[in-house]
Protein backbone atom coordinates (compact mmCIF):
# COMPACT_ATOMS: atom_id res chain seq x y z
CA MET A 1 -1.98 3.98 21.85
CA ASP A 2 -4.17 1.21 20.42
CA PHE A 3 -3.57 0.13 16.86
CA ASN A 4 -6.85 1.46 15.49
CA HIS A 5 -7.49 0.96 11.82
CA THR A 6 -10.81 0.51 10.09
CA SER A 7 -10.37 -2.04 7.33
CA VAL A 8 -11.52 -0.49 4.07
CA LEU A 9 -13.70 -2.50 1.64
CA LEU A 10 -13.69 -5.30 4.20
CA ASN A 11 -16.76 -7.28 3.09
CA GLU A 12 -15.96 -6.82 -0.59
CA THR A 13 -12.41 -8.10 -0.09
CA ILE A 14 -13.41 -11.16 1.97
CA GLU A 15 -16.14 -12.00 -0.53
CA ASN A 16 -13.74 -11.77 -3.49
CA LEU A 17 -11.11 -13.84 -1.71
CA GLU A 18 -13.53 -16.81 -1.75
CA VAL A 19 -11.93 -18.35 1.36
CA LYS A 20 -11.72 -22.15 1.32
CA PRO A 21 -11.84 -23.52 4.90
CA GLY A 22 -8.75 -25.70 4.36
CA GLY A 23 -6.79 -23.17 2.28
CA ILE A 24 -3.60 -21.20 2.88
CA TYR A 25 -3.91 -17.39 2.88
CA VAL A 26 -1.44 -14.52 3.14
CA ASP A 27 -1.99 -10.92 4.15
CA GLY A 28 1.05 -8.97 2.95
CA THR A 29 0.07 -5.78 4.80
CA LEU A 30 -1.24 -7.22 8.05
CA GLY A 31 -1.76 -3.94 9.92
CA GLY A 32 -3.96 -4.42 12.96
CA GLY A 33 -5.31 -7.69 11.57
CA GLY A 34 -8.73 -6.43 10.45
CA HIS A 35 -8.95 -8.28 7.14
CA ALA A 36 -6.94 -11.12 8.67
CA TRP A 37 -9.43 -11.85 11.46
CA HIS A 38 -12.24 -12.31 8.96
CA VAL A 39 -10.14 -14.65 6.81
CA VAL A 40 -8.86 -16.74 9.71
CA SER A 41 -12.30 -17.11 11.27
CA LYS A 42 -13.40 -18.95 8.09
CA LEU A 43 -10.56 -21.49 8.24
CA ASN A 44 -10.87 -25.03 9.64
CA ASP A 45 -8.16 -27.01 11.45
CA THR A 46 -6.18 -27.66 8.26
CA GLY A 47 -6.30 -24.03 7.07
CA ARG A 48 -3.25 -21.78 7.49
CA PHE A 49 -2.73 -18.06 7.57
CA VAL A 50 0.47 -16.02 7.19
CA GLY A 51 0.51 -12.33 8.10
CA ILE A 52 3.38 -10.09 6.96
CA ASP A 53 4.03 -6.50 8.05
CA GLN A 54 7.16 -4.39 8.40
CA ASP A 55 5.80 -2.31 11.28
CA ALA A 56 6.59 -3.61 14.77
CA ALA A 57 3.47 -1.95 16.25
CA ALA A 58 1.27 -3.67 13.65
CA ILE A 59 2.85 -7.05 14.37
CA GLU A 60 2.10 -6.68 18.07
CA ALA A 61 -1.47 -5.47 17.54
CA ALA A 62 -2.31 -8.20 15.02
CA GLY A 63 -0.75 -10.84 17.27
CA ASN A 64 -3.14 -9.82 20.06
CA ARG A 65 -6.14 -9.63 17.77
CA LEU A 66 -5.51 -13.06 16.23
CA SER A 67 -4.37 -14.78 19.45
CA GLU A 68 -7.48 -17.00 19.60
CA PHE A 69 -6.36 -18.57 16.30
CA ALA A 70 -2.69 -18.91 17.27
CA ASP A 71 -2.44 -22.54 16.12
CA LYS A 72 -3.11 -21.68 12.46
CA VAL A 73 -1.57 -18.19 12.25
CA THR A 74 2.07 -17.27 11.57
CA ILE A 75 3.10 -13.60 11.74
CA VAL A 76 6.36 -12.43 10.18
CA ARG A 77 7.99 -9.01 10.33
CA SER A 78 9.05 -8.30 6.76
CA ASN A 79 8.03 -6.43 3.62
CA TYR A 80 5.53 -8.16 1.34
CA CYS A 81 8.12 -8.00 -1.46
CA ASN A 82 9.88 -10.83 0.44
CA MET A 83 6.74 -13.00 0.43
CA GLN A 84 8.35 -15.76 -1.63
CA GLU A 85 11.25 -16.14 0.84
CA VAL A 86 8.94 -15.92 3.87
CA LEU A 87 6.73 -18.72 2.53
CA THR A 88 9.67 -20.89 1.47
CA GLU A 89 11.05 -20.66 5.03
CA LEU A 90 7.66 -21.83 6.32
CA GLY A 91 7.68 -24.74 3.87
CA ILE A 92 4.80 -23.30 1.83
CA GLU A 93 5.00 -23.52 -1.96
CA LYS A 94 1.63 -22.19 -3.11
CA VAL A 95 -1.28 -20.35 -1.49
CA ASP A 96 -5.01 -19.97 -2.15
CA GLY A 97 -5.27 -16.25 -1.65
CA ILE A 98 -3.31 -13.07 -0.98
CA VAL A 99 -4.57 -9.72 0.34
CA LEU A 100 -2.77 -6.36 0.14
CA ASP A 101 -4.23 -3.19 1.64
CA LEU A 102 -1.85 -0.44 0.54
CA GLY A 103 -3.28 2.30 2.77
CA VAL A 104 -1.31 3.81 5.63
CA SER A 105 -3.04 2.69 8.81
CA SER A 106 -4.89 5.19 10.97
CA TYR A 107 -2.54 4.13 13.75
CA GLN A 108 0.54 5.19 11.76
CA LEU A 109 -1.04 8.50 10.75
CA ASP A 110 -2.14 9.26 14.30
CA THR A 111 1.00 8.18 16.15
CA ILE A 112 2.53 11.62 16.35
CA GLU A 113 6.21 10.68 16.58
CA ARG A 114 6.05 8.62 13.35
CA GLY A 115 5.91 11.89 11.40
CA PHE A 116 3.41 10.71 8.77
CA SER A 117 0.87 13.44 9.36
CA TYR A 118 0.90 17.17 8.68
CA LYS A 119 -1.55 17.62 11.55
CA TYR A 120 1.10 17.35 14.27
CA ASP A 121 4.50 18.98 14.69
CA THR A 122 7.14 16.32 15.17
CA ASP A 123 10.34 14.92 13.64
CA LEU A 124 10.25 14.36 9.88
CA ASP A 125 10.37 10.56 9.80
CA MET A 126 7.68 8.66 7.78
CA ARG A 127 9.36 5.23 7.88
CA MET A 128 6.97 2.28 7.84
CA ASP A 129 9.86 0.13 9.07
CA GLN A 130 11.87 1.76 11.87
CA ARG A 131 14.86 -0.43 10.96
CA GLN A 132 15.31 1.49 7.71
CA THR A 133 17.84 4.35 7.64
CA LEU A 134 16.32 6.65 4.99
CA THR A 135 13.86 9.12 6.53
CA ALA A 136 11.69 11.94 5.20
CA LYS A 137 14.19 14.39 6.74
CA GLU A 138 16.93 13.13 4.44
CA ILE A 139 14.69 13.32 1.36
CA VAL A 140 13.59 16.89 2.10
CA ASN A 141 17.08 18.17 2.92
CA GLU A 142 19.39 16.18 0.65
CA TYR A 143 17.58 15.22 -2.55
CA PRO A 144 18.51 17.40 -5.55
CA GLU A 145 15.88 19.95 -6.60
CA MET A 146 14.88 18.11 -9.80
CA GLU A 147 14.49 14.82 -7.96
CA LEU A 148 12.27 16.43 -5.31
CA PHE A 149 10.21 18.05 -8.06
CA ARG A 150 9.70 14.69 -9.81
CA ILE A 151 8.56 13.05 -6.56
CA ILE A 152 6.05 15.76 -5.62
CA ARG A 153 4.77 16.10 -9.19
CA ASP A 154 4.40 12.35 -9.82
CA TYR A 155 3.66 10.84 -6.41
CA GLY A 156 1.74 13.82 -5.03
CA GLU A 157 0.16 14.79 -8.34
CA ASP A 158 0.39 18.36 -7.07
CA LYS A 159 0.11 21.11 -9.64
CA PHE A 160 2.10 23.44 -7.38
CA ALA A 161 5.04 21.01 -7.21
CA LYS A 162 7.49 23.42 -8.84
CA ASN A 163 6.73 26.23 -6.43
CA ILE A 164 6.70 23.94 -3.39
CA VAL A 165 10.15 22.60 -4.28
CA LYS A 166 11.51 26.11 -4.85
CA HIS A 167 10.33 27.06 -1.35
CA ILE A 168 11.82 23.89 0.18
CA VAL A 169 15.20 24.45 -1.51
CA ASN A 170 15.34 28.11 -0.41
CA ALA A 171 14.41 27.21 3.17
CA ARG A 172 16.97 24.41 3.49
CA LYS A 173 19.76 26.76 2.35
CA GLU A 174 19.11 28.78 5.51
CA LYS A 175 18.91 25.78 7.85
CA PRO A 176 17.88 22.08 7.70
CA ILE A 177 14.14 21.38 7.72
CA THR A 178 13.73 18.93 10.61
CA THR A 179 10.06 18.85 11.61
CA THR A 180 6.68 18.24 9.99
CA GLY A 181 5.58 21.65 11.27
CA GLU A 182 8.39 23.46 9.47
CA LEU A 183 7.69 21.60 6.24
CA ASN A 184 3.99 22.35 6.60
CA GLU A 185 4.62 26.11 6.86
CA ILE A 186 6.96 26.07 3.84
CA ILE A 187 4.35 24.26 1.71
CA LYS A 188 1.60 26.61 2.86
CA ALA A 189 3.65 29.61 1.75
CA ALA A 190 4.13 28.04 -1.71
CA ILE A 191 0.41 27.65 -2.47
CA PRO A 192 -1.75 30.67 -3.44
CA ALA A 193 -4.08 31.74 -0.62
CA LYS A 194 -7.26 31.29 -2.64
CA MET A 195 -6.30 27.67 -3.46
CA ARG A 196 -5.70 26.98 0.22
CA VAL A 197 -9.34 27.78 0.93
CA THR A 198 -10.81 25.25 -1.51
CA GLY A 199 -8.17 22.66 -2.31
CA GLY A 200 -8.09 20.51 0.86
CA HIS A 201 -5.06 20.65 3.14
CA PRO A 202 -2.12 22.22 1.26
CA SER A 203 0.40 19.69 2.63
CA LYS A 204 -1.56 16.51 1.99
CA LYS A 205 -0.15 15.74 -1.47
CA THR A 206 3.46 16.62 -0.67
CA PHE A 207 3.45 14.56 2.55
CA GLN A 208 1.98 11.63 0.61
CA ALA A 209 4.65 11.96 -2.09
CA ILE A 210 7.52 12.01 0.42
CA ARG A 211 6.07 9.00 2.28
CA ILE A 212 5.80 7.01 -0.97
CA GLU A 213 9.42 7.82 -1.82
CA CYS A 214 10.69 7.13 1.71
CA ASN A 215 9.15 3.64 1.74
CA ARG A 216 9.70 2.90 -1.98
CA GLU A 217 6.01 1.99 -2.09
CA LEU A 218 5.56 2.05 -5.86
CA GLU A 219 8.77 0.13 -6.70
CA VAL A 220 7.94 -2.52 -4.10
CA LEU A 221 4.46 -2.93 -5.57
CA LYS A 222 5.68 -3.05 -9.18
CA ASP A 223 8.37 -5.61 -8.37
CA SER A 224 6.06 -7.92 -6.38
CA LEU A 225 2.90 -8.36 -8.45
CA ASP A 226 4.12 -11.08 -10.85
CA MET A 227 5.73 -12.96 -7.96
CA MET A 228 2.48 -12.94 -5.97
CA ILE A 229 0.44 -14.21 -8.94
CA ASP A 230 3.00 -17.02 -9.38
CA LEU A 231 2.52 -18.02 -5.72
CA LEU A 232 -1.20 -18.73 -6.22
CA ASN A 233 -2.75 -22.17 -6.67
CA PRO A 234 -5.18 -22.56 -9.59
CA GLN A 235 -8.33 -20.52 -8.76
CA GLY A 236 -6.34 -18.73 -6.06
CA ARG A 237 -7.06 -15.02 -5.81
CA LEU A 238 -5.01 -11.87 -5.30
CA CYS A 239 -7.02 -8.96 -3.83
CA ILE A 240 -5.35 -5.54 -3.78
CA ILE A 241 -6.74 -2.32 -2.29
CA THR A 242 -5.05 0.86 -3.55
CA PHE A 243 -5.50 4.46 -2.42
CA HIS A 244 -3.53 6.34 -5.05
CA SER A 245 -4.01 6.60 -8.81
CA LEU A 246 -0.40 5.54 -9.53
CA GLU A 247 -0.75 2.41 -7.38
CA ASP A 248 -4.03 1.59 -9.06
CA ARG A 249 -2.47 2.04 -12.50
CA ILE A 250 0.40 -0.32 -11.62
CA VAL A 251 -2.01 -3.01 -10.37
CA LYS A 252 -4.37 -2.61 -13.32
CA SER A 253 -1.63 -2.93 -15.93
CA ALA A 254 0.09 -5.88 -14.18
CA PHE A 255 -3.22 -7.75 -13.92
CA ARG A 256 -3.96 -7.05 -17.57
CA LYS A 257 -0.49 -8.20 -18.65
CA ASN A 258 -0.84 -11.46 -16.68
CA GLU A 259 -4.26 -12.09 -18.19
CA ASN A 260 -3.10 -11.38 -21.73
CA PRO A 261 0.70 -11.48 -22.00
CA CYS A 262 0.78 -12.03 -25.79
CA THR A 263 3.18 -9.56 -27.46
CA CYS A 264 2.41 -10.55 -31.06
CA PRO A 265 1.18 -7.78 -33.38
CA PRO A 266 -2.65 -7.48 -33.27
CA GLY A 267 -3.10 -8.78 -36.86
CA PHE A 268 -1.09 -11.99 -36.32
CA PRO A 269 -3.22 -15.07 -37.17
CA VAL A 270 -1.34 -17.34 -34.71
CA CYS A 271 0.46 -16.42 -31.47
CA THR A 272 4.20 -17.03 -31.85
CA CYS A 273 5.52 -15.21 -28.75
CA GLY A 274 4.74 -18.20 -26.50
CA ASN A 275 3.49 -16.08 -23.59
CA VAL A 276 0.69 -17.91 -21.80
CA SER A 277 -2.08 -16.28 -19.76
CA LYS A 278 -1.74 -16.82 -16.00
CA GLY A 279 -5.42 -16.27 -15.23
CA LYS A 280 -8.13 -13.65 -15.42
CA VAL A 281 -8.95 -10.24 -14.05
CA VAL A 282 -12.09 -10.72 -11.94
CA THR A 283 -12.79 -6.99 -11.56
CA LYS A 284 -13.15 -5.41 -15.00
CA LYS A 285 -13.81 -2.19 -13.11
CA PRO A 286 -12.43 -1.65 -9.61
CA VAL A 287 -14.73 -2.22 -6.63
CA LEU A 288 -15.33 1.08 -4.82
CA PRO A 289 -16.51 1.76 -1.25
CA SER A 290 -20.24 2.26 -0.69
CA VAL A 291 -21.63 5.71 0.11
CA GLU A 292 -22.24 4.46 3.69
CA GLU A 293 -18.62 3.38 4.10
CA MET A 294 -17.33 6.72 2.80
CA GLU A 295 -19.52 8.55 5.30
CA VAL A 296 -18.34 6.42 8.21
CA ASN A 297 -14.68 6.29 7.19
CA LYS A 298 -13.41 9.37 5.35
CA ARG A 299 -10.13 7.62 4.59
CA SER A 300 -11.89 5.10 2.37
CA LYS A 301 -12.79 7.74 -0.24
CA SER A 302 -10.00 6.99 -2.70
CA ALA A 303 -9.92 3.19 -2.14
CA LYS A 304 -10.16 0.79 -5.09
CA LEU A 305 -10.17 -3.02 -4.96
CA ARG A 306 -8.91 -5.08 -7.90
CA VAL A 307 -8.92 -8.88 -8.01
CA PHE A 308 -6.97 -11.40 -10.11
CA GLU A 309 -7.71 -15.13 -10.27
CA LYS A 310 -5.02 -17.63 -11.19
CA GLY A 311 -5.88 -19.91 -14.12
């Protein structure tokens, strides 16, 4: 299967990145190389591009897509939380721009055996990186009830979380839940019939929550933002596309903290905490997809782009 993925907010991201022809750029979630191609095509002979992804299929697809620029592109299989180490190994100290697109690629959702989607019946997997041992199956069958409830309530923002977890726990007492189809049926039974008619697919939020937990998506993001800002040259930009309100909140508050890190009480005449601003938030409000983009690409609906510029 081809690695198909429509890059969301593509023009807006490239525009906000303000690519310098001789600059060094990093895409921490390379995917099929959609954003990457547009960045690399703006670089001259001294420009460099580093693409990072933890998914072997993405690495292969992006390698093919960017092959015409092979002399200035380096692709590394890793998680973007290791960006500092990856760049150090390549002898790069600072970069001029970083892009993160935190959406799950269409390829991952549509590759049946990856187990990301409730649309197909397959093994409960959901790993972005096949080298990892923790799978969705383990989370669903072995996590304590309260922990499962917290994940579905917080990461899925599902108001039926309590009932869904009760149904999961009762089902797994009988026998392990091993497929996406089984989990789908259990969730369906936990949601009132009249809500199933209007509320979108009943499994969407729970599947999202388990995927976020399986890949530690929010922790990885939280732990990497300051590091990525520190990797930027002056006027370098960090562009992040989120698809989930919790991700967006994490990005928004980290950007704000880096812009104004002062911890002194508001009435203090002079700052004594010594925390210095690292730059400015370019997007006071997030950039949202156009109506046209949302019509063409349904998956762009919840996307938000936020941009930080190093001082």
